[in-house]
Every structure is written in structure tokens, then in C-alpha cells.
């Protein structure tokens, strides 16, 4: 179940990453550029989700995208009751991933 949820979240991140700019930027961006951005986001997202799955125990099946812009992506991950348990911050420029247990502090902070 956790794998399906995180895979779904990764797919949602792919689509939201492309359209994170304002409506004006979407009109200016050519189709070829959008495809290139999607490919870059997809590679980062897959690696990011693999590490998140390794670091966070199963049973946390709610994923909320708080922010996803060209610079960073912030997620809240929680349980079935939508209780937020973890926060992840992915800095896209440096490929740094931070995972924070909201009850116990930082559990991961590395460049991936």
C-alpha cells in the first residue's frame, strides 16, 4: 500500500512540477522545454521517493504536497487519519533531501 501511495505521489509531483509556474510562464514555455523539465523532475522525484520509502516506516500513507516550485519541494507525510508525521524538503538546485520526524527531529539530511 505504501509503495502504491508513494508512486501516486511521485506521479502527482511530476505533473505539479511542470505547472508550478504562473499561468503566464506556461503560455511562454514551448512544448519541448516542458518535456525537458518533466524528464529532469522525473529522475529527481524517483530517487527522492526511493529514499523517503527507505527512511520512513510503513503505515504512513497520506502525502500532501505543500510546495513544489523550481527551487524546492515540500511534502507532509502522515498516517491514515491524516495526522502529519513527517516533513520532507527537497532542494532541487543542490539535490539535498531533508526528512524530519515531526515528533523526533531530523532523520535524514544528505545530497542525493
PDB file of N, CA and C in Angstrom:
ATOM      1  N   UNK A   1       0.822  -1.190   0.000  1.00  0.00           N
ATOM      2  CA  UNK A   1       0.000   0.000   0.000  1.00  0.00           C
ATOM      3  C   UNK A   1       0.869   1.257   0.000  1.00  0.00           C
ATOM      4  N   UNK A   2       1.943   1.228   0.798  1.00  0.00           N
ATOM      5  CA  UNK A   2       2.839   2.372   0.889  1.00  0.00           C
ATOM      6  C   UNK A   2       3.482   2.647  -0.462  1.00  0.00           C
ATOM      7  N   UNK A   3       3.880   1.589  -1.163  1.00  0.00           N
ATOM      8  CA  UNK A   3       4.515   1.744  -2.464  1.00  0.00           C
ATOM      9  C   UNK A   3       3.560   2.370  -3.465  1.00  0.00           C
ATOM     10  N   UNK A   4       2.321   1.928  -3.458  1.00  0.00           N
ATOM     11  CA  UNK A   4       1.320   2.480  -4.377  1.00  0.00           C
ATOM     12  C   UNK A   4       1.096   3.961  -4.073  1.00  0.00           C
ATOM     13  N   UNK A   5       0.992   4.304  -2.809  1.00  0.00           N
ATOM     14  CA  UNK A   5       0.746   5.684  -2.429  1.00  0.00           C
ATOM     15  C   UNK A   5       1.910   6.576  -2.829  1.00  0.00           C
ATOM     16  N   UNK A   6       3.132   6.141  -2.530  1.00  0.00           N
ATOM     17  CA  UNK A   6       4.288   6.955  -2.878  1.00  0.00           C
ATOM     18  C   UNK A   6       4.475   7.041  -4.386  1.00  0.00           C
ATOM     19  N   UNK A   7       4.131   5.982  -5.125  1.00  0.00           N
ATOM     20  CA  UNK A   7       4.193   6.043  -6.584  1.00  0.00           C
ATOM     21  C   UNK A   7       3.179   7.047  -7.111  1.00  0.00           C
ATOM     22  N   UNK A   8       1.999   7.050  -6.541  1.00  0.00           N
ATOM     23  CA  UNK A   8       0.974   8.018  -6.929  1.00  0.00           C
ATOM     24  C   UNK A   8       1.430   9.433  -6.611  1.00  0.00           C
ATOM     25  N   UNK A   9       2.038   9.601  -5.451  1.00  0.00           N
ATOM     26  CA  UNK A   9       2.544  10.917  -5.076  1.00  0.00           C
ATOM     27  C   UNK A   9       3.641  11.367  -6.029  1.00  0.00           C
ATOM     28  N   UNK A  10       4.502  10.441  -6.441  1.00  0.00           N
ATOM     29  CA  UNK A  10       5.567  10.777  -7.388  1.00  0.00           C
ATOM     30  C   UNK A  10       4.968  11.230  -8.715  1.00  0.00           C
ATOM     31  N   UNK A  11       3.932  10.554  -9.166  1.00  0.00           N
ATOM     32  CA  UNK A  11       3.266  10.967 -10.400  1.00  0.00           C
ATOM     33  C   UNK A  11       2.644  12.345 -10.269  1.00  0.00           C
ATOM     34  N   UNK A  12       2.027  12.606  -9.127  1.00  0.00           N
ATOM     35  CA  UNK A  12       1.428  13.921  -8.903  1.00  0.00           C
ATOM     36  C   UNK A  12       2.494  15.006  -8.875  1.00  0.00           C
ATOM     37  N   UNK A  13       3.652  14.685  -8.302  1.00  0.00           N
ATOM     38  CA  UNK A  13       4.743  15.650  -8.262  1.00  0.00           C
ATOM     39  C   UNK A  13       5.259  15.960  -9.655  1.00  0.00           C
ATOM     40  N   UNK A  14       5.292  14.950 -10.507  1.00  0.00           N
ATOM     41  CA  UNK A  14       5.726  15.183 -11.888  1.00  0.00           C
ATOM     42  C   UNK A  14       4.839  16.224 -12.563  1.00  0.00           C
ATOM     43  N   UNK A  15       3.537  16.039 -12.432  1.00  0.00           N
ATOM     44  CA  UNK A  15       2.607  16.953 -13.084  1.00  0.00           C
ATOM     45  C   UNK A  15       2.587  18.312 -12.420  1.00  0.00           C
ATOM     46  N   UNK A  16       2.658  18.358 -11.098  1.00  0.00           N
ATOM     47  CA  UNK A  16       2.612  19.649 -10.418  1.00  0.00           C
ATOM     48  C   UNK A  16       3.911  20.420 -10.618  1.00  0.00           C
ATOM     49  N   UNK A  17       5.021  19.728 -10.785  1.00  0.00           N
ATOM     50  CA  UNK A  17       6.302  20.390 -11.021  1.00  0.00           C
ATOM     51  C   UNK A  17       6.331  21.132 -12.331  1.00  0.00           C
ATOM     52  N   UNK A  18       5.674  20.602 -13.332  1.00  0.00           N
ATOM     53  CA  UNK A  18       5.659  21.252 -14.636  1.00  0.00           C
ATOM     54  C   UNK A  18       4.835  22.526 -14.591  1.00  0.00           C
ATOM     55  N   UNK A  19       3.745  22.506 -13.844  1.00  0.00           N
ATOM     56  CA  UNK A  19       2.834  23.640 -13.823  1.00  0.00           C
ATOM     57  C   UNK A  19       2.994  24.500 -12.573  1.00  0.00           C
ATOM     58  N   UNK A  20       4.144  24.446 -11.931  1.00  0.00           N
ATOM     59  CA  UNK A  20       4.355  25.212 -10.701  1.00  0.00           C
ATOM     60  C   UNK A  20       4.511  26.704 -10.975  1.00  0.00           C
ATOM     61  N   UNK A  21       4.836  27.084 -12.200  1.00  0.00           N
ATOM     62  CA  UNK A  21       4.991  28.492 -12.549  1.00  0.00           C
ATOM     63  C   UNK A  21       3.627  29.143 -12.695  1.00  0.00           C
ATOM     64  N   UNK A  22       3.621  30.443 -12.887  1.00  0.00           N
ATOM     65  CA  UNK A  22       2.360  31.151 -13.083  1.00  0.00           C
ATOM     66  C   UNK A  22       1.792  30.833 -14.453  1.00  0.00           C
ATOM     67  N   UNK A  23       0.542  31.200 -14.696  1.00  0.00           N
ATOM     68  CA  UNK A  23      -0.106  30.957 -15.972  1.00  0.00           C
ATOM     69  C   UNK A  23       0.618  31.622 -17.124  1.00  0.00           C
ATOM     70  N   UNK A  24       1.232  32.783 -16.884  1.00  0.00           N
ATOM     71  CA  UNK A  24       1.949  33.481 -17.946  1.00  0.00           C
ATOM     72  C   UNK A  24       3.158  32.671 -18.386  1.00  0.00           C
ATOM     73  N   UNK A  25       3.877  32.066 -17.476  1.00  0.00           N
ATOM     74  CA  UNK A  25       5.057  31.280 -17.826  1.00  0.00           C
ATOM     75  C   UNK A  25       4.666  30.035 -18.601  1.00  0.00           C
ATOM     76  N   UNK A  26       3.508  29.469 -18.297  1.00  0.00           N
ATOM     77  CA  UNK A  26       3.054  28.288 -19.023  1.00  0.00           C
ATOM     78  C   UNK A  26       2.785  28.613 -20.481  1.00  0.00           C
ATOM     79  N   UNK A  27       2.251  29.787 -20.751  1.00  0.00           N
ATOM     80  CA  UNK A  27       1.964  30.171 -22.121  1.00  0.00           C
ATOM     81  C   UNK A  27       3.239  30.433 -22.902  1.00  0.00           C
ATOM     82  N   UNK A  28       4.254  30.972 -22.249  1.00  0.00           N
ATOM     83  CA  UNK A  28       5.512  31.299 -22.908  1.00  0.00           C
ATOM     84  C   UNK A  28       6.344  30.053 -23.142  1.00  0.00           C
ATOM     85  N   UNK A  29       6.286  29.074 -22.252  1.00  0.00           N
ATOM     86  CA  UNK A  29       7.110  27.877 -22.332  1.00  0.00           C
ATOM     87  C   UNK A  29       6.711  27.036 -23.540  1.00  0.00           C
ATOM     88  N   UNK A  30       7.712  26.644 -24.333  1.00  0.00           N
ATOM     89  CA  UNK A  30       7.461  25.798 -25.501  1.00  0.00           C
ATOM     90  C   UNK A  30       7.267  24.355 -25.059  1.00  0.00           C
ATOM     91  N   UNK A  31       6.626  23.533 -25.899  1.00  0.00           N
ATOM     92  CA  UNK A  31       6.385  22.132 -25.559  1.00  0.00           C
ATOM     93  C   UNK A  31       7.686  21.383 -25.305  1.00  0.00           C
ATOM     94  N   UNK A  32       8.696  21.621 -26.095  1.00  0.00           N
ATOM     95  CA  UNK A  32       9.973  20.918 -25.933  1.00  0.00           C
ATOM     96  C   UNK A  32      10.578  21.213 -24.560  1.00  0.00           C
ATOM     97  N   UNK A  33      10.504  22.451 -24.114  1.00  0.00           N
ATOM     98  CA  UNK A  33      11.041  22.810 -22.810  1.00  0.00           C
ATOM     99  C   UNK A  33      10.263  22.129 -21.689  1.00  0.00           C
ATOM    100  N   UNK A  34       8.962  22.025 -21.835  1.00  0.00           N
ATOM    101  CA  UNK A  34       8.146  21.365 -20.819  1.00  0.00           C
ATOM    102  C   UNK A  34       8.521  19.896 -20.697  1.00  0.00           C
ATOM    103  N   UNK A  35       8.773  19.236 -21.820  1.00  0.00           N
ATOM    104  CA  UNK A  35       9.177  17.838 -21.796  1.00  0.00           C
ATOM    105  C   UNK A  35      10.524  17.688 -21.101  1.00  0.00           C
ATOM    106  N   UNK A  36      11.455  18.571 -21.388  1.00  0.00           N
ATOM    107  CA  UNK A  36      12.769  18.522 -20.745  1.00  0.00           C
ATOM    108  C   UNK A  36      12.631  18.701 -19.237  1.00  0.00           C
ATOM    109  N   UNK A  37      11.801  19.638 -18.806  1.00  0.00           N
ATOM    110  CA  UNK A  37      11.596  19.857 -17.376  1.00  0.00           C
ATOM    111  C   UNK A  37      10.981  18.623 -16.729  1.00  0.00           C
ATOM    112  N   UNK A  38      10.033  17.978 -17.412  1.00  0.00           N
ATOM    113  CA  UNK A  38       9.396  16.783 -16.873  1.00  0.00           C
ATOM    114  C   UNK A  38      10.413  15.664 -16.712  1.00  0.00           C
ATOM    115  N   UNK A  39      11.317  15.509 -17.676  1.00  0.00           N
ATOM    116  CA  UNK A  39      12.323  14.458 -17.580  1.00  0.00           C
ATOM    117  C   UNK A  39      13.243  14.701 -16.394  1.00  0.00           C
ATOM    118  N   UNK A  40      13.669  15.957 -16.191  1.00  0.00           N
ATOM    119  CA  UNK A  40      14.540  16.272 -15.054  1.00  0.00           C
ATOM    120  C   UNK A  40      13.810  16.055 -13.737  1.00  0.00           C
ATOM    121  N   UNK A  41      12.586  16.486 -13.652  1.00  0.00           N
ATOM    122  CA  UNK A  41      11.799  16.320 -12.433  1.00  0.00           C
ATOM    123  C   UNK A  41      11.568  14.848 -12.140  1.00  0.00           C
ATOM    124  N   UNK A  42      11.317  14.049 -13.180  1.00  0.00           N
ATOM    125  CA  UNK A  42      11.046  12.629 -13.006  1.00  0.00           C
ATOM    126  C   UNK A  42      12.225  11.884 -12.403  1.00  0.00           C
ATOM    127  N   UNK A  43      13.424  12.168 -12.857  1.00  0.00           N
ATOM    128  CA  UNK A  43      14.614  11.499 -12.332  1.00  0.00           C
ATOM    129  C   UNK A  43      14.820  11.860 -10.863  1.00  0.00           C
ATOM    130  N   UNK A  44      14.696  13.135 -10.533  1.00  0.00           N
ATOM    131  CA  UNK A  44      14.863  13.571  -9.150  1.00  0.00           C
ATOM    132  C   UNK A  44      13.769  13.015  -8.255  1.00  0.00           C
ATOM    133  N   UNK A  45      12.552  13.010  -8.763  1.00  0.00           N
ATOM    134  CA  UNK A  45      11.421  12.547  -7.969  1.00  0.00           C
ATOM    135  C   UNK A  45      11.547  11.072  -7.633  1.00  0.00           C
ATOM    136  N   UNK A  46      11.964  10.262  -8.596  1.00  0.00           N
ATOM    137  CA  UNK A  46      12.087   8.825  -8.346  1.00  0.00           C
ATOM    138  C   UNK A  46      13.132   8.547  -7.278  1.00  0.00           C
ATOM    139  N   UNK A  47      14.283   9.196  -7.389  1.00  0.00           N
ATOM    140  CA  UNK A  47      15.337   8.995  -6.394  1.00  0.00           C
ATOM    141  C   UNK A  47      14.889   9.514  -5.026  1.00  0.00           C
ATOM    142  N   UNK A  48      14.221  10.650  -5.025  1.00  0.00           N
ATOM    143  CA  UNK A  48      13.710  11.231  -3.779  1.00  0.00           C
ATOM    144  C   UNK A  48      12.717  10.277  -3.115  1.00  0.00           C
ATOM    145  N   UNK A  49      11.780   9.732  -3.873  1.00  0.00           N
ATOM    146  CA  UNK A  49      10.769   8.828  -3.312  1.00  0.00           C
ATOM    147  C   UNK A  49      11.381   7.520  -2.822  1.00  0.00           C
ATOM    148  N   UNK A  50      12.394   7.012  -3.518  1.00  0.00           N
ATOM    149  CA  UNK A  50      13.060   5.785  -3.067  1.00  0.00           C
ATOM    150  C   UNK A  50      13.686   5.988  -1.689  1.00  0.00           C
ATOM    151  N   UNK A  51      14.343   7.115  -1.493  1.00  0.00           N
ATOM    152  CA  UNK A  51      14.986   7.385  -0.199  1.00  0.00           C
ATOM    153  C   UNK A  51      13.935   7.600   0.889  1.00  0.00           C
ATOM    154  N   UNK A  52      12.861   8.311   0.552  1.00  0.00           N
ATOM    155  CA  UNK A  52      11.793   8.525   1.530  1.00  0.00           C
ATOM    156  C   UNK A  52      11.207   7.186   1.970  1.00  0.00           C
ATOM    157  N   UNK A  53      10.984   6.278   1.013  1.00  0.00           N
ATOM    158  CA  UNK A  53      10.457   4.950   1.362  1.00  0.00           C
ATOM    159  C   UNK A  53      11.406   4.195   2.284  1.00  0.00           C
ATOM    160  N   UNK A  54      12.718   4.333   2.062  1.00  0.00           N
ATOM    161  CA  UNK A  54      13.696   3.642   2.904  1.00  0.00           C
ATOM    162  C   UNK A  54      13.757   4.224   4.313  1.00  0.00           C
ATOM    163  N   UNK A  55      13.555   5.525   4.456  1.00  0.00           N
ATOM    164  CA  UNK A  55      13.744   6.202   5.734  1.00  0.00           C
ATOM    165  C   UNK A  55      12.496   6.227   6.627  1.00  0.00           C
ATOM    166  N   UNK A  56      11.319   6.183   6.010  1.00  0.00           N
ATOM    167  CA  UNK A  56      10.076   6.303   6.775  1.00  0.00           C
ATOM    168  C   UNK A  56       9.423   4.929   6.890  1.00  0.00           C
ATOM    169  N   UNK A  57       9.031   4.525   8.093  1.00  0.00           N
ATOM    170  CA  UNK A  57       8.394   3.213   8.258  1.00  0.00           C
ATOM    171  C   UNK A  57       7.040   3.151   7.553  1.00  0.00           C
ATOM    172  N   UNK A  58       6.628   1.944   7.206  1.00  0.00           N
ATOM    173  CA  UNK A  58       5.328   1.768   6.552  1.00  0.00           C
ATOM    174  C   UNK A  58       4.206   2.156   7.505  1.00  0.00           C
ATOM    175  N   UNK A  59       3.032   2.396   6.942  1.00  0.00           N
ATOM    176  CA  UNK A  59       1.898   2.828   7.738  1.00  0.00           C
ATOM    177  C   UNK A  59       1.644   4.315   7.606  1.00  0.00           C
ATOM    178  N   UNK A  60       2.529   5.020   6.908  1.00  0.00           N
ATOM    179  CA  UNK A  60       2.352   6.448   6.655  1.00  0.00           C
ATOM    180  C   UNK A  60       1.936   6.593   5.197  1.00  0.00           C
ATOM    181  N   UNK A  61       0.632   6.737   4.987  1.00  0.00           N
ATOM    182  CA  UNK A  61       0.110   6.610   3.635  1.00  0.00           C
ATOM    183  C   UNK A  61      -0.516   7.879   3.089  1.00  0.00           C
ATOM    184  N   UNK A  62      -0.489   8.954   3.808  1.00  0.00           N
ATOM    185  CA  UNK A  62      -1.063  10.216   3.353  1.00  0.00           C
ATOM    186  C   UNK A  62       0.079  11.150   2.950  1.00  0.00           C
ATOM    187  N   UNK A  63       0.053  11.627   1.700  1.00  0.00           N
ATOM    188  CA  UNK A  63       1.084  12.547   1.217  1.00  0.00           C
ATOM    189  C   UNK A  63       0.413  13.837   0.770  1.00  0.00           C
ATOM    190  N   UNK A  64       0.896  14.961   1.299  1.00  0.00           N
ATOM    191  CA  UNK A  64       0.364  16.270   0.942  1.00  0.00           C
ATOM    192  C   UNK A  64       1.511  17.114   0.385  1.00  0.00           C
ATOM    193  N   UNK A  65       1.358  17.601  -0.835  1.00  0.00           N
ATOM    194  CA  UNK A  65       2.349  18.489  -1.432  1.00  0.00           C
ATOM    195  C   UNK A  65       2.051  19.898  -0.930  1.00  0.00           C
ATOM    196  N   UNK A  66       2.971  20.454  -0.152  1.00  0.00           N
ATOM    197  CA  UNK A  66       2.794  21.787   0.404  1.00  0.00           C
ATOM    198  C   UNK A  66       3.288  22.830  -0.584  1.00  0.00           C
ATOM    199  N   UNK A  67       4.440  22.554  -1.184  1.00  0.00           N
ATOM    200  CA  UNK A  67       5.043  23.496  -2.122  1.00  0.00           C
ATOM    201  C   UNK A  67       5.871  22.710  -3.126  1.00  0.00           C
ATOM    202  N   UNK A  68       5.750  23.069  -4.389  1.00  0.00           N
ATOM    203  CA  UNK A  68       6.572  22.463  -5.432  1.00  0.00           C
ATOM    204  C   UNK A  68       6.825  23.528  -6.488  1.00  0.00           C
ATOM    205  N   UNK A  69       7.972  24.158  -6.395  1.00  0.00           N
ATOM    206  CA  UNK A  69       8.336  25.191  -7.353  1.00  0.00           C
ATOM    207  C   UNK A  69       9.690  24.849  -7.960  1.00  0.00           C
ATOM    208  N   UNK A  70      10.238  25.664  -8.837  1.00  0.00           N
ATOM    209  CA  UNK A  70      11.514  25.317  -9.476  1.00  0.00           C
ATOM    210  C   UNK A  70      12.695  25.184  -8.513  1.00  0.00           C
ATOM    211  N   UNK A  71      12.548  25.643  -7.280  1.00  0.00           N
ATOM    212  CA  UNK A  71      13.664  25.627  -6.335  1.00  0.00           C
ATOM    213  C   UNK A  71      13.574  24.545  -5.268  1.00  0.00           C
ATOM    214  N   UNK A  72      12.369  24.254  -4.786  1.00  0.00           N
ATOM    215  CA  UNK A  72      12.237  23.267  -3.716  1.00  0.00           C
ATOM    216  C   UNK A  72      10.877  22.590  -3.766  1.00  0.00           C
ATOM    217  N   UNK A  73      10.806  21.428  -3.105  1.00  0.00           N
ATOM    218  CA  UNK A  73       9.557  20.677  -2.979  1.00  0.00           C
ATOM    219  C   UNK A  73       9.406  20.296  -1.511  1.00  0.00           C
ATOM    220  N   UNK A  74       8.262  20.599  -0.933  1.00  0.00           N
ATOM    221  CA  UNK A  74       7.993  20.291   0.471  1.00  0.00           C
ATOM    222  C   UNK A  74       6.764  19.386   0.537  1.00  0.00           C
ATOM    223  N   UNK A  75       6.906  18.271   1.258  1.00  0.00           N
ATOM    224  CA  UNK A  75       5.818  17.317   1.424  1.00  0.00           C
ATOM    225  C   UNK A  75       5.561  17.087   2.912  1.00  0.00           C
ATOM    226  N   UNK A  76       4.305  16.833   3.250  1.00  0.00           N
ATOM    227  CA  UNK A  76       3.955  16.303   4.559  1.00  0.00           C
ATOM    228  C   UNK A  76       3.477  14.884   4.345  1.00  0.00           C
ATOM    229  N   UNK A  77       3.964  13.959   5.157  1.00  0.00           N
ATOM    230  CA  UNK A  77       3.573  12.559   5.064  1.00  0.00           C
ATOM    231  C   UNK A  77       2.953  12.180   6.399  1.00  0.00           C
ATOM    232  N   UNK A  78       1.774  11.542   6.316  1.00  0.00           N
ATOM    233  CA  UNK A  78       1.063  11.203   7.536  1.00  0.00           C
ATOM    234  C   UNK A  78       0.448   9.823   7.477  1.00  0.00           C
ATOM    235  N   UNK A  79      -0.347   9.514   8.479  1.00  0.00           N
ATOM    236  CA  UNK A  79      -0.986   8.205   8.568  1.00  0.00           C
ATOM    237  C   UNK A  79      -2.373   8.236   7.942  1.00  0.00           C
ATOM    238  N   UNK A  80      -3.108   7.136   8.110  1.00  0.00           N
ATOM    239  CA  UNK A  80      -4.452   7.016   7.532  1.00  0.00           C
ATOM    240  C   UNK A  80      -5.405   8.099   8.028  1.00  0.00           C
ATOM    241  N   UNK A  81      -5.213   8.565   9.241  1.00  0.00           N
ATOM    242  CA  UNK A  81      -6.093   9.577   9.833  1.00  0.00           C
ATOM    243  C   UNK A  81      -5.650  11.001   9.468  1.00  0.00           C
ATOM    244  N   UNK A  82      -4.747  11.122   8.490  1.00  0.00           N
ATOM    245  CA  UNK A  82      -4.210  12.411   8.026  1.00  0.00           C
ATOM    246  C   UNK A  82      -3.467  13.175   9.123  1.00  0.00           C
ATOM    247  N   UNK A  83      -2.929  12.451  10.092  1.00  0.00           N
ATOM    248  CA  UNK A  83      -2.065  13.049  11.097  1.00  0.00           C
ATOM    249  C   UNK A  83      -0.689  13.215  10.472  1.00  0.00           C
ATOM    250  N   UNK A  84      -0.184  14.439  10.384  1.00  0.00           N
ATOM    251  CA  UNK A  84       1.134  14.685   9.808  1.00  0.00           C
ATOM    252  C   UNK A  84       2.200  14.133  10.745  1.00  0.00           C
ATOM    253  N   UNK A  85       3.077  13.288  10.179  1.00  0.00           N
ATOM    254  CA  UNK A  85       4.132  12.685  10.990  1.00  0.00           C
ATOM    255  C   UNK A  85       5.522  13.071  10.508  1.00  0.00           C
ATOM    256  N   UNK A  86       5.675  13.308   9.204  1.00  0.00           N
ATOM    257  CA  UNK A  86       6.976  13.613   8.623  1.00  0.00           C
ATOM    258  C   UNK A  86       6.861  14.787   7.663  1.00  0.00           C
ATOM    259  N   UNK A  87       7.956  15.535   7.561  1.00  0.00           N
ATOM    260  CA  UNK A  87       8.054  16.616   6.591  1.00  0.00           C
ATOM    261  C   UNK A  87       9.311  16.361   5.772  1.00  0.00           C
ATOM    262  N   UNK A  88       9.196  16.458   4.443  1.00  0.00           N
ATOM    263  CA  UNK A  88      10.369  16.313   3.598  1.00  0.00           C
ATOM    264  C   UNK A  88      10.588  17.615   2.841  1.00  0.00           C
ATOM    265  N   UNK A  89      11.840  17.982   2.704  1.00  0.00           N
ATOM    266  CA  UNK A  89      12.222  19.176   1.954  1.00  0.00           C
ATOM    267  C   UNK A  89      13.280  18.751   0.949  1.00  0.00           C
ATOM    268  N   UNK A  90      13.004  18.960  -0.326  1.00  0.00           N
ATOM    269  CA  UNK A  90      13.953  18.624  -1.385  1.00  0.00           C
ATOM    270  C   UNK A  90      14.369  19.914  -2.075  1.00  0.00           C
ATOM    271  N   UNK A  91      15.654  20.277  -1.952  1.00  0.00           N
ATOM    272  CA  UNK A  91      16.204  21.461  -2.601  1.00  0.00           C
ATOM    273  C   UNK A  91      16.707  21.019  -3.972  1.00  0.00           C
ATOM    274  N   UNK A  92      16.067  21.498  -5.029  1.00  0.00           N
ATOM    275  CA  UNK A  92      16.314  20.993  -6.376  1.00  0.00           C
ATOM    276  C   UNK A  92      17.688  21.380  -6.919  1.00  0.00           C
ATOM    277  N   UNK A  93      18.166  22.589  -6.620  1.00  0.00           N
ATOM    278  CA  UNK A  93      19.457  23.032  -7.145  1.00  0.00           C
ATOM    279  C   UNK A  93      20.606  22.156  -6.672  1.00  0.00           C
ATOM    280  N   UNK A  94      20.588  21.791  -5.418  1.00  0.00           N
ATOM    281  CA  UNK A  94      21.689  21.020  -4.837  1.00  0.00           C
ATOM    282  C   UNK A  94      21.343  19.544  -4.660  1.00  0.00           C
ATOM    283  N   UNK A  95      20.110  19.153  -4.974  1.00  0.00           N
ATOM    284  CA  UNK A  95      19.614  17.779  -4.776  1.00  0.00           C
ATOM    285  C   UNK A  95      19.744  17.333  -3.322  1.00  0.00           C
ATOM    286  N   UNK A  96      19.518  18.246  -2.395  1.00  0.00           N
ATOM    287  CA  UNK A  96      19.567  17.926  -0.961  1.00  0.00           C
ATOM    288  C   UNK A  96      18.170  17.536  -0.498  1.00  0.00           C
ATOM    289  N   UNK A  97      18.109  16.406   0.186  1.00  0.00           N
ATOM    290  CA  UNK A  97      16.849  15.925   0.746  1.00  0.00           C
ATOM    291  C   UNK A  97      16.952  15.916   2.263  1.00  0.00           C
ATOM    292  N   UNK A  98      15.963  16.539   2.910  1.00  0.00           N
ATOM    293  CA  UNK A  98      15.860  16.517   4.367  1.00  0.00           C
ATOM    294  C   UNK A  98      14.550  15.841   4.725  1.00  0.00           C
ATOM    295  N   UNK A  99      14.600  14.926   5.675  1.00  0.00           N
ATOM    296  CA  UNK A  99      13.397  14.272   6.185  1.00  0.00           C
ATOM    297  C   UNK A  99      13.352  14.544   7.680  1.00  0.00           C
ATOM    298  N   UNK A 100      12.225  15.082   8.125  1.00  0.00           N
ATOM    299  CA  UNK A 100      12.083  15.475   9.523  1.00  0.00           C
ATOM    300  C   UNK A 100      10.903  14.729  10.137  1.00  0.00           C
ATOM    301  N   UNK A 101      11.162  14.028  11.228  1.00  0.00           N
ATOM    302  CA  UNK A 101      10.099  13.417  12.027  1.00  0.00           C
ATOM    303  C   UNK A 101       9.538  14.535  12.894  1.00  0.00           C
ATOM    304  N   UNK A 102       8.274  14.856  12.715  1.00  0.00           N
ATOM    305  CA  UNK A 102       7.692  15.993  13.428  1.00  0.00           C
ATOM    306  C   UNK A 102       7.653  15.794  14.933  1.00  0.00           C
ATOM    307  N   UNK A 103       7.817  14.551  15.397  1.00  0.00           N
ATOM    308  CA  UNK A 103       7.852  14.291  16.834  1.00  0.00           C
ATOM    309  C   UNK A 103       9.254  14.027  17.355  1.00  0.00           C
ATOM    310  N   UNK A 104      10.203  13.741  16.444  1.00  0.00           N
ATOM    311  CA  UNK A 104      11.520  13.356  16.917  1.00  0.00           C
ATOM    312  C   UNK A 104      12.690  14.071  16.281  1.00  0.00           C
ATOM    313  N   UNK A 105      12.448  15.023  15.386  1.00  0.00           N
ATOM    314  CA  UNK A 105      13.541  15.783  14.784  1.00  0.00           C
ATOM    315  C   UNK A 105      14.009  15.200  13.454  1.00  0.00           C
ATOM    316  N   UNK A 106      15.108  15.742  12.990  1.00  0.00           N
ATOM    317  CA  UNK A 106      15.647  15.391  11.675  1.00  0.00           C
ATOM    318  C   UNK A 106      16.159  13.950  11.650  1.00  0.00           C
ATOM    319  N   UNK A 107      15.781  13.196  10.598  1.00  0.00           N
ATOM    320  CA  UNK A 107      16.251  11.814  10.472  1.00  0.00           C
ATOM    321  C   UNK A 107      17.082  11.599   9.218  1.00  0.00           C
ATOM    322  N   UNK A 108      17.075  12.563   8.292  1.00  0.00           N
ATOM    323  CA  UNK A 108      17.864  12.429   7.062  1.00  0.00           C
ATOM    324  C   UNK A 108      18.191  13.818   6.546  1.00  0.00           C
ATOM    325  N   UNK A 109      19.450  14.032   6.125  1.00  0.00           N
ATOM    326  CA  UNK A 109      19.870  15.309   5.551  1.00  0.00           C
ATOM    327  C   UNK A 109      21.111  15.056   4.712  1.00  0.00           C
ATOM    328  N   UNK A 110      20.902  14.740   3.438  1.00  0.00           N
ATOM    329  CA  UNK A 110      22.025  14.419   2.556  1.00  0.00           C
ATOM    330  C   UNK A 110      21.748  14.891   1.143  1.00  0.00           C
ATOM    331  N   UNK A 111      22.818  15.027   0.372  1.00  0.00           N
ATOM    332  CA  UNK A 111      22.698  15.298  -1.053  1.00  0.00           C
ATOM    333  C   UNK A 111      22.524  13.958  -1.746  1.00  0.00           C
ATOM    334  N   UNK A 112      21.497  13.854  -2.573  1.00  0.00           N
ATOM    335  CA  UNK A 112      21.223  12.578  -3.249  1.00  0.00           C
ATOM    336  C   UNK A 112      21.590  12.648  -4.719  1.00  0.00           C
TER     337      UNK A 112
END
